[in-house]
């Protein structure tokens, strides 16, 4: 046997110390590669069976949290709109109350005769007639749009037939002063007749011997006086209720 043969036999003896399976000798290099492959397989297994479900669960929780936050923001926005609507409603109610305050109220209506007579007598005039005009039940509610469609079903009118007499200046001053009474009043169907009052017209004789009127002639003014008042809550509810069907 030569030296080389002896060397090969020794090398073969050394190689025979590594384990062999399935025709593969597990040298350190092969073992390292096998361990790396097994580690990769183990990592893949953990990724598929442990990490991925946890990640999917995390993503689902993130989606749920986002949905909840969106719902909370939506509820907050809705609540904000509700509060704004309430504030607008309260402002509208205050405005409505302020506007209706200009129309006066029932106590002002009860003293209308005294107030009107006071205005006329303070101008040296004389009140001749103050008669409430009869109206069928429910017809005194403003529904005809004569005052604007916005107040239909919200106001009522009480009508009085008024006559008084005085000079032209007294009549004009009285009509202007009526506008300052607490109630919102509207005069319509106004008529004026000269020299027909109860106070006789005075005459004087001028230098030509003719009788001429002394001072201003007496005027009798007549008109319908409408007092406009807001409906009470009970009246408004009754007006809003539709009438029963005809039998």
Protein backbone atom coordinates (compact mmCIF):
# COMPACT_ATOMS: atom_id res chain seq x y z
CA UNK A 1 0.00 0.00 0.00
CA UNK A 2 1.34 3.36 -0.93
CA UNK A 3 1.35 6.47 1.17
CA UNK A 4 -1.59 7.96 -0.73
CA UNK A 5 -3.61 4.85 -0.16
CA UNK A 6 -2.93 5.10 3.50
CA UNK A 7 -4.01 8.77 3.43
CA UNK A 8 -7.29 7.96 1.69
CA UNK A 9 -8.08 5.23 4.12
CA UNK A 10 -7.48 7.57 6.99
CA UNK A 11 -9.74 10.25 5.34
CA UNK A 12 -12.44 7.67 4.77
CA UNK A 13 -12.25 6.68 8.39
CA UNK A 14 -12.65 10.33 9.40
CA UNK A 15 -15.64 10.83 7.07
CA UNK A 16 -17.31 7.74 8.45
CA UNK A 17 -17.65 9.55 11.82
CA UNK A 18 -20.47 11.87 10.47
CA UNK A 19 -24.01 10.44 10.66
CA UNK A 20 -25.63 9.32 7.45
CA UNK A 21 -29.34 9.02 6.69
CA UNK A 22 -31.22 8.54 3.47
CA UNK A 23 -27.91 8.43 1.68
CA UNK A 24 -26.90 11.87 3.00
CA UNK A 25 -23.88 12.40 5.17
CA UNK A 26 -24.62 15.13 7.68
CA UNK A 27 -21.44 17.11 7.62
CA UNK A 28 -21.27 20.40 9.55
CA UNK A 29 -22.09 22.30 6.37
CA UNK A 30 -25.07 20.12 5.56
CA UNK A 31 -26.25 20.22 9.16
CA UNK A 32 -26.04 24.00 9.24
CA UNK A 33 -28.07 24.26 6.06
CA UNK A 34 -30.62 21.81 7.46
CA UNK A 35 -30.90 23.76 10.69
CA UNK A 36 -31.43 26.97 8.71
CA UNK A 37 -34.17 25.32 6.68
CA UNK A 38 -35.80 23.99 9.85
CA UNK A 39 -35.58 27.44 11.44
CA UNK A 40 -37.20 29.00 8.40
CA UNK A 41 -39.95 26.39 8.47
CA UNK A 42 -40.47 27.01 12.18
CA UNK A 43 -40.62 30.77 11.66
CA UNK A 44 -43.11 30.29 8.83
CA UNK A 45 -45.20 28.03 11.04
CA UNK A 46 -45.21 30.58 13.85
CA UNK A 47 -46.05 33.34 11.37
CA UNK A 48 -48.97 31.44 9.93
CA UNK A 49 -50.33 30.00 13.15
CA UNK A 50 -49.47 32.62 15.76
CA UNK A 51 -48.43 35.99 14.34
CA UNK A 52 -50.90 36.28 11.44
CA UNK A 53 -54.04 35.58 13.54
CA UNK A 54 -52.81 38.07 16.12
CA UNK A 55 -52.18 40.61 13.37
CA UNK A 56 -55.58 39.99 11.83
CA UNK A 57 -57.17 40.39 15.26
CA UNK A 58 -55.25 43.63 15.76
CA UNK A 59 -56.41 44.93 12.38
CA UNK A 60 -60.01 43.99 13.25
CA UNK A 61 -59.72 45.82 16.57
CA UNK A 62 -58.31 48.86 14.78
CA UNK A 63 -61.27 48.82 12.40
CA UNK A 64 -63.70 48.48 15.32
CA UNK A 65 -62.06 51.37 17.14
CA UNK A 66 -62.22 53.53 14.00
CA UNK A 67 -65.90 52.67 13.56
CA UNK A 68 -66.64 53.53 17.20
CA UNK A 69 -64.77 56.82 16.92
CA UNK A 70 -66.72 57.65 13.74
CA UNK A 71 -69.98 56.85 15.54
CA UNK A 72 -68.98 59.02 18.49
CA UNK A 73 -68.09 61.89 16.16
CA UNK A 74 -71.36 61.44 14.29
CA UNK A 75 -73.34 61.45 17.55
CA UNK A 76 -71.45 64.55 18.68
CA UNK A 77 -72.25 66.27 15.37
CA UNK A 78 -75.92 65.30 15.66
CA UNK A 79 -76.05 66.53 19.27
CA UNK A 80 -74.43 69.80 18.18
CA UNK A 81 -77.05 70.26 15.45
CA UNK A 82 -79.79 69.49 17.98
CA UNK A 83 -78.42 72.14 20.35
CA UNK A 84 -78.16 74.66 17.50
CA UNK A 85 -81.74 73.88 16.47
CA UNK A 86 -82.91 74.36 20.06
CA UNK A 87 -81.13 77.70 20.25
CA UNK A 88 -82.72 78.83 16.97
CA UNK A 89 -86.12 77.70 18.24
CA UNK A 90 -85.71 79.64 21.48
CA UNK A 91 -84.57 82.70 19.52
CA UNK A 92 -87.60 82.37 17.24
CA UNK A 93 -89.89 82.10 20.28
CA UNK A 94 -88.34 85.23 21.80
CA UNK A 95 -88.73 87.07 18.50
CA UNK A 96 -92.35 85.91 18.22
CA UNK A 97 -93.02 87.07 21.78
CA UNK A 98 -91.38 90.45 21.09
CA UNK A 99 -93.39 90.92 17.90
CA UNK A 100 -96.69 89.95 19.50
CA UNK A 101 -95.98 92.38 22.35
CA UNK A 102 -96.68 95.17 19.86
CA UNK A 103 -100.22 93.91 19.39
CA UNK A 104 -101.26 94.49 22.99
CA UNK A 105 -103.40 92.11 25.04
CA UNK A 106 -106.86 91.52 26.44
CA UNK A 107 -106.51 94.05 29.33
CA UNK A 108 -105.66 96.73 26.74
CA UNK A 109 -108.81 95.76 24.86
CA UNK A 110 -110.91 96.13 28.00
CA UNK A 111 -109.79 99.75 28.40
CA UNK A 112 -110.00 100.68 24.70
CA UNK A 113 -113.22 102.69 25.14
CA UNK A 114 -111.76 104.74 28.01
CA UNK A 115 -108.47 105.28 26.15
CA UNK A 116 -110.23 106.34 22.95
CA UNK A 117 -112.58 108.72 24.75
CA UNK A 118 -109.65 110.23 26.61
CA UNK A 119 -107.82 110.90 23.35
CA UNK A 120 -110.87 112.51 21.73
CA UNK A 121 -111.87 114.71 24.67
CA UNK A 122 -108.28 115.85 25.18
CA UNK A 123 -108.48 117.29 21.62
CA UNK A 124 -111.79 119.04 22.40
CA UNK A 125 -113.69 116.52 20.32
CA UNK A 126 -116.76 114.51 21.30
CA UNK A 127 -117.24 110.74 21.05
CA UNK A 128 -120.63 109.89 19.60
CA UNK A 129 -120.57 106.13 19.11
CA UNK A 130 -118.47 103.13 20.18
CA UNK A 131 -120.20 99.85 19.34
CA UNK A 132 -118.62 96.39 19.10
CA UNK A 133 -119.49 94.80 15.77
CA UNK A 134 -121.00 91.36 16.14
CA UNK A 135 -119.01 88.57 14.47
CA UNK A 136 -119.95 84.90 14.13
CA UNK A 137 -117.87 82.60 16.31
CA UNK A 138 -114.47 81.87 14.77
CA UNK A 139 -114.73 84.50 12.03
CA UNK A 140 -112.70 87.01 14.01
CA UNK A 141 -109.54 84.92 13.47
CA UNK A 142 -107.44 86.38 10.67
CA UNK A 143 -107.33 83.80 7.87
CA UNK A 144 -107.86 85.86 4.71
CA UNK A 145 -104.26 86.99 4.13
CA UNK A 146 -105.27 90.65 4.39
CA UNK A 147 -102.45 91.22 6.88
CA UNK A 148 -100.01 88.86 5.18
CA UNK A 149 -100.00 85.08 4.92
CA UNK A 150 -97.48 84.83 7.77
CA UNK A 151 -100.00 85.85 10.44
CA UNK A 152 -102.92 83.74 9.21
CA UNK A 153 -104.24 81.70 12.11
CA UNK A 154 -102.11 83.65 14.61
CA UNK A 155 -104.12 86.85 15.12
CA UNK A 156 -107.69 87.79 15.83
CA UNK A 157 -109.50 91.04 15.17
CA UNK A 158 -112.13 92.81 17.22
CA UNK A 159 -114.13 95.41 15.24
CA UNK A 160 -115.83 98.53 16.63
CA UNK A 161 -118.03 101.13 14.92
CA UNK A 162 -116.74 104.55 16.00
CA UNK A 163 -118.11 108.05 15.46
CA UNK A 164 -116.84 111.31 16.88
CA UNK A 165 -117.03 114.99 15.96
CA UNK A 166 -114.69 117.92 16.05
CA UNK A 167 -113.01 120.48 13.86
CA UNK A 168 -110.72 119.44 11.07
CA UNK A 169 -107.63 119.97 13.26
CA UNK A 170 -109.23 118.07 16.15
CA UNK A 171 -110.17 115.12 13.93
CA UNK A 172 -106.71 114.98 12.38
CA UNK A 173 -104.97 115.18 15.76
CA UNK A 174 -107.27 112.48 17.18
CA UNK A 175 -106.55 110.06 14.33
CA UNK A 176 -102.82 110.57 14.80
CA UNK A 177 -103.08 109.99 18.55
CA UNK A 178 -105.07 106.76 18.12
CA UNK A 179 -101.96 105.23 16.54
CA UNK A 180 -100.14 105.63 19.88
CA UNK A 181 -102.60 103.57 21.91
CA UNK A 182 -101.27 100.28 23.42
CA UNK A 183 -103.24 98.12 20.98
CA UNK A 184 -102.38 97.69 17.33
CA UNK A 185 -105.34 99.40 15.68
CA UNK A 186 -106.41 99.77 12.08
CA UNK A 187 -109.07 102.21 10.86
CA UNK A 188 -110.99 101.41 7.68
CA UNK A 189 -114.14 102.58 5.89
CA UNK A 190 -113.43 106.13 7.04
CA UNK A 191 -116.09 108.76 6.32
CA UNK A 192 -116.33 112.46 7.21
CA UNK A 193 -119.34 114.77 6.97
CA UNK A 194 -119.08 118.53 7.30
CA UNK A 195 -121.60 120.54 9.30
CA UNK A 196 -123.56 117.48 10.41
CA UNK A 197 -122.42 117.33 14.00
CA UNK A 198 -124.48 117.99 17.11
CA UNK A 199 -122.57 121.19 17.76
CA UNK A 200 -124.17 123.88 15.55
CA UNK A 201 -121.96 125.86 13.22
CA UNK A 202 -121.52 129.49 14.32
CA UNK A 203 -121.81 132.33 11.84
CA UNK A 204 -120.85 136.02 11.91
CA UNK A 205 -121.90 138.90 9.65
CA UNK A 206 -119.09 140.45 7.66
CA UNK A 207 -118.80 144.06 6.49
CA UNK A 208 -120.84 143.28 3.41
CA UNK A 209 -123.71 142.12 5.60
CA UNK A 210 -123.28 138.44 4.73
CA UNK A 211 -123.29 135.58 7.22
CA UNK A 212 -120.04 133.64 7.08
CA UNK A 213 -118.86 130.66 9.21
CA UNK A 214 -116.99 131.60 12.32
CA UNK A 215 -113.99 129.36 12.90
CA UNK A 216 -113.65 125.86 11.48
CA UNK A 217 -116.73 123.85 10.61
CA UNK A 218 -117.68 120.81 12.64
CA UNK A 219 -116.84 117.43 11.12
CA UNK A 220 -118.41 114.13 12.05
CA UNK A 221 -115.96 111.28 11.40
CA UNK A 222 -117.03 107.65 11.34
CA UNK A 223 -114.97 104.52 10.72
CA UNK A 224 -114.51 100.89 11.69
CA UNK A 225 -111.75 100.42 14.23
CA UNK A 226 -110.03 97.03 14.18
CA UNK A 227 -108.05 95.90 17.21
CA UNK A 228 -105.56 93.14 16.40
CA UNK A 229 -104.47 90.73 19.14
CA UNK A 230 -102.46 87.49 19.16
CA UNK A 231 -104.42 84.32 19.80
CA UNK A 232 -104.13 82.65 23.17
CA UNK A 233 -102.70 79.12 23.25
CA UNK A 234 -106.20 77.71 23.65
CA UNK A 235 -107.54 79.74 20.72
CA UNK A 236 -104.56 78.82 18.53
CA UNK A 237 -105.03 75.11 19.28
CA UNK A 238 -108.74 75.37 18.50
CA UNK A 239 -108.04 77.23 15.26
CA UNK A 240 -105.51 74.59 14.20
CA UNK A 241 -108.00 71.73 14.76
CA UNK A 242 -109.77 70.88 11.48
CA UNK A 243 -113.57 71.06 11.61
CA UNK A 244 -115.48 67.77 11.79
CA UNK A 245 -116.65 66.37 8.46
CA UNK A 246 -120.12 67.35 7.38
CA UNK A 247 -122.78 64.73 7.92
